Amino acid sequence: MTYDRLVCANCAAPVSQGRCPVCRANRERLQQEGPFAGLNPMALIVLLVVLVAALALVAQQTA
């Protein structure tokens, strides 16, 4: 999940603005997650389909 759509329960401002210590802490935590943390689920599915198609193509060419 990306922090640009989250609203802070402490100050009711977007977390991406970092207005309060809670916002800043959560923004920092979300930025430290892995490289695929910012991708939405549909993008991950598309990447998986492309990977499977590429592997199938390589397997077909070697057979």
PDB file of N, CA and C in Angstrom:
ATOM      1  N   MET A   1       0.841  -1.167   0.000  1.00  0.00           N
ATOM      2  CA  MET A   1       0.000   0.000   0.000  1.00  0.00           C
ATOM      3  C   MET A   1       0.889   1.233   0.000  1.00  0.00           C
ATOM      4  N   THR A   2       0.462   2.232  -0.696  1.00  0.00           N
ATOM      5  CA  THR A   2       1.243   3.459  -0.730  1.00  0.00           C
ATOM      6  C   THR A   2       0.686   4.455   0.280  1.00  0.00           C
ATOM      7  N   TYR A   3       1.536   5.288   0.789  1.00  0.00           N
ATOM      8  CA  TYR A   3       1.120   6.219   1.826  1.00  0.00           C
ATOM      9  C   TYR A   3       0.452   7.466   1.260  1.00  0.00           C
ATOM     10  N   ASP A   4       0.462   7.681  -0.042  1.00  0.00           N
ATOM     11  CA  ASP A   4      -0.135   8.889  -0.597  1.00  0.00           C
ATOM     12  C   ASP A   4      -1.657   8.901  -0.506  1.00  0.00           C
ATOM     13  N   ARG A   5      -2.279   7.754  -0.258  1.00  0.00           N
ATOM     14  CA  ARG A   5      -3.736   7.697  -0.127  1.00  0.00           C
ATOM     15  C   ARG A   5      -4.197   7.525   1.319  1.00  0.00           C
ATOM     16  N   LEU A   6      -3.282   7.387   2.237  1.00  0.00           N
ATOM     17  CA  LEU A   6      -3.646   7.170   3.637  1.00  0.00           C
ATOM     18  C   LEU A   6      -3.914   8.495   4.344  1.00  0.00           C
ATOM     19  N   VAL A   7      -4.888   8.462   5.247  1.00  0.00           N
ATOM     20  CA  VAL A   7      -5.197   9.632   6.066  1.00  0.00           C
ATOM     21  C   VAL A   7      -4.851   9.281   7.508  1.00  0.00           C
ATOM     22  N   CYS A   8      -4.145  10.155   8.156  1.00  0.00           N
ATOM     23  CA  CYS A   8      -3.699   9.937   9.533  1.00  0.00           C
ATOM     24  C   CYS A   8      -4.886  10.048  10.504  1.00  0.00           C
ATOM     25  N   ALA A   9      -4.996   9.085  11.409  1.00  0.00           N
ATOM     26  CA  ALA A   9      -6.046   9.121  12.425  1.00  0.00           C
ATOM     27  C   ALA A   9      -5.722  10.129  13.519  1.00  0.00           C
ATOM     28  N   ASN A  10      -4.472  10.533  13.618  1.00  0.00           N
ATOM     29  CA  ASN A  10      -4.055  11.466  14.659  1.00  0.00           C
ATOM     30  C   ASN A  10      -4.383  12.911  14.282  1.00  0.00           C
ATOM     31  N   CYS A  11      -4.068  13.317  13.060  1.00  0.00           N
ATOM     32  CA  CYS A  11      -4.256  14.716  12.667  1.00  0.00           C
ATOM     33  C   CYS A  11      -5.227  14.902  11.495  1.00  0.00           C
ATOM     34  N   ALA A  12      -5.731  13.812  10.925  1.00  0.00           N
ATOM     35  CA  ALA A  12      -6.698  13.834   9.816  1.00  0.00           C
ATOM     36  C   ALA A  12      -6.135  14.469   8.547  1.00  0.00           C
ATOM     37  N   ALA A  13      -4.843  14.472   8.406  1.00  0.00           N
ATOM     38  CA  ALA A  13      -4.192  14.975   7.196  1.00  0.00           C
ATOM     39  C   ALA A  13      -3.619  13.784   6.418  1.00  0.00           C
ATOM     40  N   PRO A  14      -3.346  13.967   5.135  1.00  0.00           N
ATOM     41  CA  PRO A  14      -2.706  12.879   4.376  1.00  0.00           C
ATOM     42  C   PRO A  14      -1.345  12.523   4.980  1.00  0.00           C
ATOM     43  N   VAL A  15      -1.065  11.233   5.082  1.00  0.00           N
ATOM     44  CA  VAL A  15       0.197  10.769   5.659  1.00  0.00           C
ATOM     45  C   VAL A  15       1.381  11.275   4.837  1.00  0.00           C
ATOM     46  N   SER A  16       1.177  11.428   3.535  1.00  0.00           N
ATOM     47  CA  SER A  16       2.280  11.872   2.672  1.00  0.00           C
ATOM     48  C   SER A  16       2.766  13.279   3.026  1.00  0.00           C
ATOM     49  N   GLN A  17       1.935  14.087   3.670  1.00  0.00           N
ATOM     50  CA  GLN A  17       2.351  15.433   4.065  1.00  0.00           C
ATOM     51  C   GLN A  17       3.199  15.426   5.329  1.00  0.00           C
ATOM     52  N   GLY A  18       3.043  14.426   6.180  1.00  0.00           N
ATOM     53  CA  GLY A  18       3.861  14.309   7.392  1.00  0.00           C
ATOM     54  C   GLY A  18       3.694  15.445   8.365  1.00  0.00           C
ATOM     55  N   ARG A  19       2.481  15.834   8.661  1.00  0.00           N
ATOM     56  CA  ARG A  19       2.236  16.974   9.546  1.00  0.00           C
ATOM     57  C   ARG A  19       2.517  16.693  11.014  1.00  0.00           C
ATOM     58  N   CYS A  20       2.295  15.453  11.445  1.00  0.00           N
ATOM     59  CA  CYS A  20       2.497  15.139  12.863  1.00  0.00           C
ATOM     60  C   CYS A  20       3.524  14.007  12.984  1.00  0.00           C
ATOM     61  N   PRO A  21       3.998  13.725  14.199  1.00  0.00           N
ATOM     62  CA  PRO A  21       4.987  12.648  14.379  1.00  0.00           C
ATOM     63  C   PRO A  21       4.470  11.278  13.934  1.00  0.00           C
ATOM     64  N   VAL A  22       3.175  11.028  14.108  1.00  0.00           N
ATOM     65  CA  VAL A  22       2.607   9.746  13.681  1.00  0.00           C
ATOM     66  C   VAL A  22       2.685   9.617  12.161  1.00  0.00           C
ATOM     67  N   CYS A  23       2.330  10.683  11.454  1.00  0.00           N
ATOM     68  CA  CYS A  23       2.424  10.690   9.979  1.00  0.00           C
ATOM     69  C   CYS A  23       3.856  10.440   9.526  1.00  0.00           C
ATOM     70  N   ARG A  24       4.781  11.158  10.124  1.00  0.00           N
ATOM     71  CA  ARG A  24       6.174  11.028   9.710  1.00  0.00           C
ATOM     72  C   ARG A  24       6.707   9.627   9.964  1.00  0.00           C
ATOM     73  N   ALA A  25       6.329   9.031  11.093  1.00  0.00           N
ATOM     74  CA  ALA A  25       6.794   7.680  11.410  1.00  0.00           C
ATOM     75  C   ALA A  25       6.218   6.665  10.424  1.00  0.00           C
ATOM     76  N   ASN A  26       4.936   6.780  10.125  1.00  0.00           N
ATOM     77  CA  ASN A  26       4.324   5.848   9.177  1.00  0.00           C
ATOM     78  C   ASN A  26       4.857   6.054   7.766  1.00  0.00           C
ATOM     79  N   ARG A  27       5.090   7.297   7.380  1.00  0.00           N
ATOM     80  CA  ARG A  27       5.643   7.567   6.050  1.00  0.00           C
ATOM     81  C   ARG A  27       7.033   6.942   5.927  1.00  0.00           C
ATOM     82  N   GLU A  28       7.832   7.082   6.968  1.00  0.00           N
ATOM     83  CA  GLU A  28       9.177   6.496   6.960  1.00  0.00           C
ATOM     84  C   GLU A  28       9.109   4.967   6.887  1.00  0.00           C
ATOM     85  N   ARG A  29       8.199   4.370   7.645  1.00  0.00           N
ATOM     86  CA  ARG A  29       8.050   2.910   7.647  1.00  0.00           C
ATOM     87  C   ARG A  29       7.613   2.409   6.269  1.00  0.00           C
ATOM     88  N   LEU A  30       6.679   3.105   5.641  1.00  0.00           N
ATOM     89  CA  LEU A  30       6.193   2.667   4.330  1.00  0.00           C
ATOM     90  C   LEU A  30       7.256   2.843   3.243  1.00  0.00           C
ATOM     91  N   GLN A  31       8.112   3.839   3.384  1.00  0.00           N
ATOM     92  CA  GLN A  31       9.163   4.052   2.400  1.00  0.00           C
ATOM     93  C   GLN A  31      10.258   3.003   2.503  1.00  0.00           C
ATOM     94  N   GLN A  32      10.402   2.359   3.651  1.00  0.00           N
ATOM     95  CA  GLN A  32      11.459   1.379   3.846  1.00  0.00           C
ATOM     96  C   GLN A  32      11.059  -0.019   3.405  1.00  0.00           C
ATOM     97  N   GLU A  33       9.812  -0.227   2.994  1.00  0.00           N
ATOM     98  CA  GLU A  33       9.384  -1.547   2.561  1.00  0.00           C
ATOM     99  C   GLU A  33      10.051  -1.898   1.241  1.00  0.00           C
ATOM    100  N   GLY A  34       9.876  -3.139   0.811  1.00  0.00           N
ATOM    101  CA  GLY A  34      10.545  -3.669  -0.366  1.00  0.00           C
ATOM    102  C   GLY A  34      10.235  -2.939  -1.653  1.00  0.00           C
ATOM    103  N   PRO A  35      10.905  -3.326  -2.733  1.00  0.00           N
ATOM    104  CA  PRO A  35      10.750  -2.618  -4.012  1.00  0.00           C
ATOM    105  C   PRO A  35       9.371  -2.783  -4.637  1.00  0.00           C
ATOM    106  N   PHE A  36       8.635  -3.837  -4.273  1.00  0.00           N
ATOM    107  CA  PHE A  36       7.322  -4.056  -4.863  1.00  0.00           C
ATOM    108  C   PHE A  36       6.190  -3.571  -3.960  1.00  0.00           C
ATOM    109  N   ALA A  37       6.503  -2.913  -2.870  1.00  0.00           N
ATOM    110  CA  ALA A  37       5.481  -2.473  -1.930  1.00  0.00           C
ATOM    111  C   ALA A  37       4.594  -1.383  -2.515  1.00  0.00           C
ATOM    112  N   GLY A  38       5.142  -0.564  -3.391  1.00  0.00           N
ATOM    113  CA  GLY A  38       4.378   0.519  -3.980  1.00  0.00           C
ATOM    114  C   GLY A  38       3.500   0.118  -5.134  1.00  0.00           C
ATOM    115  N   LEU A  39       3.642  -1.083  -5.630  1.00  0.00           N
ATOM    116  CA  LEU A  39       2.835  -1.524  -6.763  1.00  0.00           C
ATOM    117  C   LEU A  39       1.463  -1.982  -6.307  1.00  0.00           C
ATOM    118  N   ASN A  40       0.467  -1.675  -7.108  1.00  0.00           N
ATOM    119  CA  ASN A  40      -0.860  -2.159  -6.765  1.00  0.00           C
ATOM    120  C   ASN A  40      -0.988  -3.625  -7.181  1.00  0.00           C
ATOM    121  N   PRO A  41      -1.969  -4.326  -6.681  1.00  0.00           N
ATOM    122  CA  PRO A  41      -2.100  -5.763  -6.973  1.00  0.00           C
ATOM    123  C   PRO A  41      -2.239  -6.073  -8.463  1.00  0.00           C
ATOM    124  N   MET A  42      -2.906  -5.224  -9.219  1.00  0.00           N
ATOM    125  CA  MET A  42      -3.070  -5.478 -10.648  1.00  0.00           C
ATOM    126  C   MET A  42      -1.721  -5.412 -11.363  1.00  0.00           C
ATOM    127  N   ALA A  43      -0.870  -4.505 -10.984  1.00  0.00           N
ATOM    128  CA  ALA A  43       0.460  -4.424 -11.601  1.00  0.00           C
ATOM    129  C   ALA A  43       1.277  -5.669 -11.278  1.00  0.00           C
ATOM    130  N   LEU A  44       1.153  -6.186 -10.052  1.00  0.00           N
ATOM    131  CA  LEU A  44       1.864  -7.410  -9.695  1.00  0.00           C
ATOM    132  C   LEU A  44       1.351  -8.598 -10.505  1.00  0.00           C
ATOM    133  N   ILE A  45       0.038  -8.657 -10.732  1.00  0.00           N
ATOM    134  CA  ILE A  45      -0.530  -9.739 -11.543  1.00  0.00           C
ATOM    135  C   ILE A  45      -0.023  -9.653 -12.971  1.00  0.00           C
ATOM    136  N   VAL A  46       0.028  -8.454 -13.519  1.00  0.00           N
ATOM    137  CA  VAL A  46       0.535  -8.274 -14.886  1.00  0.00           C
ATOM    138  C   VAL A  46       1.994  -8.703 -14.970  1.00  0.00           C
ATOM    139  N   LEU A  47       2.802  -8.328 -13.990  1.00  0.00           N
ATOM    140  CA  LEU A  47       4.204  -8.744 -13.986  1.00  0.00           C
ATOM    141  C   LEU A  47       4.335 -10.254 -13.906  1.00  0.00           C
ATOM    142  N   LEU A  48       3.491 -10.891 -13.118  1.00  0.00           N
ATOM    143  CA  LEU A  48       3.516 -12.346 -13.000  1.00  0.00           C
ATOM    144  C   LEU A  48       3.130 -13.015 -14.311  1.00  0.00           C
ATOM    145  N   VAL A  49       2.107 -12.501 -14.979  1.00  0.00           N
ATOM    146  CA  VAL A  49       1.683 -13.057 -16.268  1.00  0.00           C
ATOM    147  C   VAL A  49       2.789 -12.898 -17.307  1.00  0.00           C
ATOM    148  N   VAL A  50       3.430 -11.762 -17.343  1.00  0.00           N
ATOM    149  CA  VAL A  50       4.527 -11.535 -18.293  1.00  0.00           C
ATOM    150  C   VAL A  50       5.682 -12.492 -18.012  1.00  0.00           C
ATOM    151  N   LEU A  51       5.996 -12.701 -16.754  1.00  0.00           N
ATOM    152  CA  LEU A  51       7.071 -13.621 -16.386  1.00  0.00           C
ATOM    153  C   LEU A  51       6.742 -15.048 -16.806  1.00  0.00           C
ATOM    154  N   VAL A  52       5.513 -15.489 -16.547  1.00  0.00           N
ATOM    155  CA  VAL A  52       5.114 -16.841 -16.931  1.00  0.00           C
ATOM    156  C   VAL A  52       5.130 -16.990 -18.453  1.00  0.00           C
ATOM    157  N   ALA A  53       4.673 -15.986 -19.178  1.00  0.00           N
ATOM    158  CA  ALA A  53       4.686 -16.045 -20.636  1.00  0.00           C
ATOM    159  C   ALA A  53       6.119 -16.106 -21.161  1.00  0.00           C
ATOM    160  N   ALA A  54       7.013 -15.350 -20.566  1.00  0.00           N
ATOM    161  CA  ALA A  54       8.409 -15.369 -21.002  1.00  0.00           C
ATOM    162  C   ALA A  54       9.042 -16.732 -20.728  1.00  0.00           C
ATOM    163  N   LEU A  55       8.751 -17.306 -19.582  1.00  0.00           N
ATOM    164  CA  LEU A  55       9.284 -18.632 -19.266  1.00  0.00           C
ATOM    165  C   LEU A  55       8.719 -19.695 -20.206  1.00  0.00           C
ATOM    166  N   ALA A  56       7.443 -19.600 -20.548  1.00  0.00           N
ATOM    167  CA  ALA A  56       6.835 -20.548 -21.477  1.00  0.00           C
ATOM    168  C   ALA A  56       7.451 -20.409 -22.866  1.00  0.00           C
ATOM    169  N   LEU A  57       7.730 -19.205 -23.276  1.00  0.00           N
ATOM    170  CA  LEU A  57       8.352 -18.964 -24.583  1.00  0.00           C
ATOM    171  C   LEU A  57       9.765 -19.543 -24.630  1.00  0.00           C
ATOM    172  N   VAL A  58      10.510 -19.350 -23.579  1.00  0.00           N
ATOM    173  CA  VAL A  58      11.876 -19.887 -23.514  1.00  0.00           C
ATOM    174  C   VAL A  58      11.840 -21.418 -23.498  1.00  0.00           C
ATOM    175  N   ALA A  59      10.913 -21.993 -22.747  1.00  0.00           N
ATOM    176  CA  ALA A  59      10.788 -23.452 -22.691  1.00  0.00           C
ATOM    177  C   ALA A  59      10.397 -24.021 -24.044  1.00  0.00           C
ATOM    178  N   GLN A  60       9.559 -23.308 -24.769  1.00  0.00           N
ATOM    179  CA  GLN A  60       9.116 -23.785 -26.089  1.00  0.00           C
ATOM    180  C   GLN A  60      10.261 -23.716 -27.102  1.00  0.00           C
ATOM    181  N   GLN A  61      11.085 -22.709 -27.006  1.00  0.00           N
ATOM    182  CA  GLN A  61      12.198 -22.574 -27.956  1.00  0.00           C
ATOM    183  C   GLN A  61      13.289 -23.606 -27.702  1.00  0.00           C
ATOM    184  N   THR A  62      13.467 -24.031 -26.472  1.00  0.00           N
ATOM    185  CA  THR A  62      14.531 -25.005 -26.179  1.00  0.00           C
ATOM    186  C   THR A  62      14.077 -26.440 -26.442  1.00  0.00           C
ATOM    187  N   ALA A  63      12.780 -26.673 -26.547  1.00  0.00           N
ATOM    188  CA  ALA A  63      12.279 -28.036 -26.778  1.00  0.00           C
ATOM    189  C   ALA A  63      12.314 -28.427 -28.241  1.00  0.00           C
TER     190      ALA A  63
END
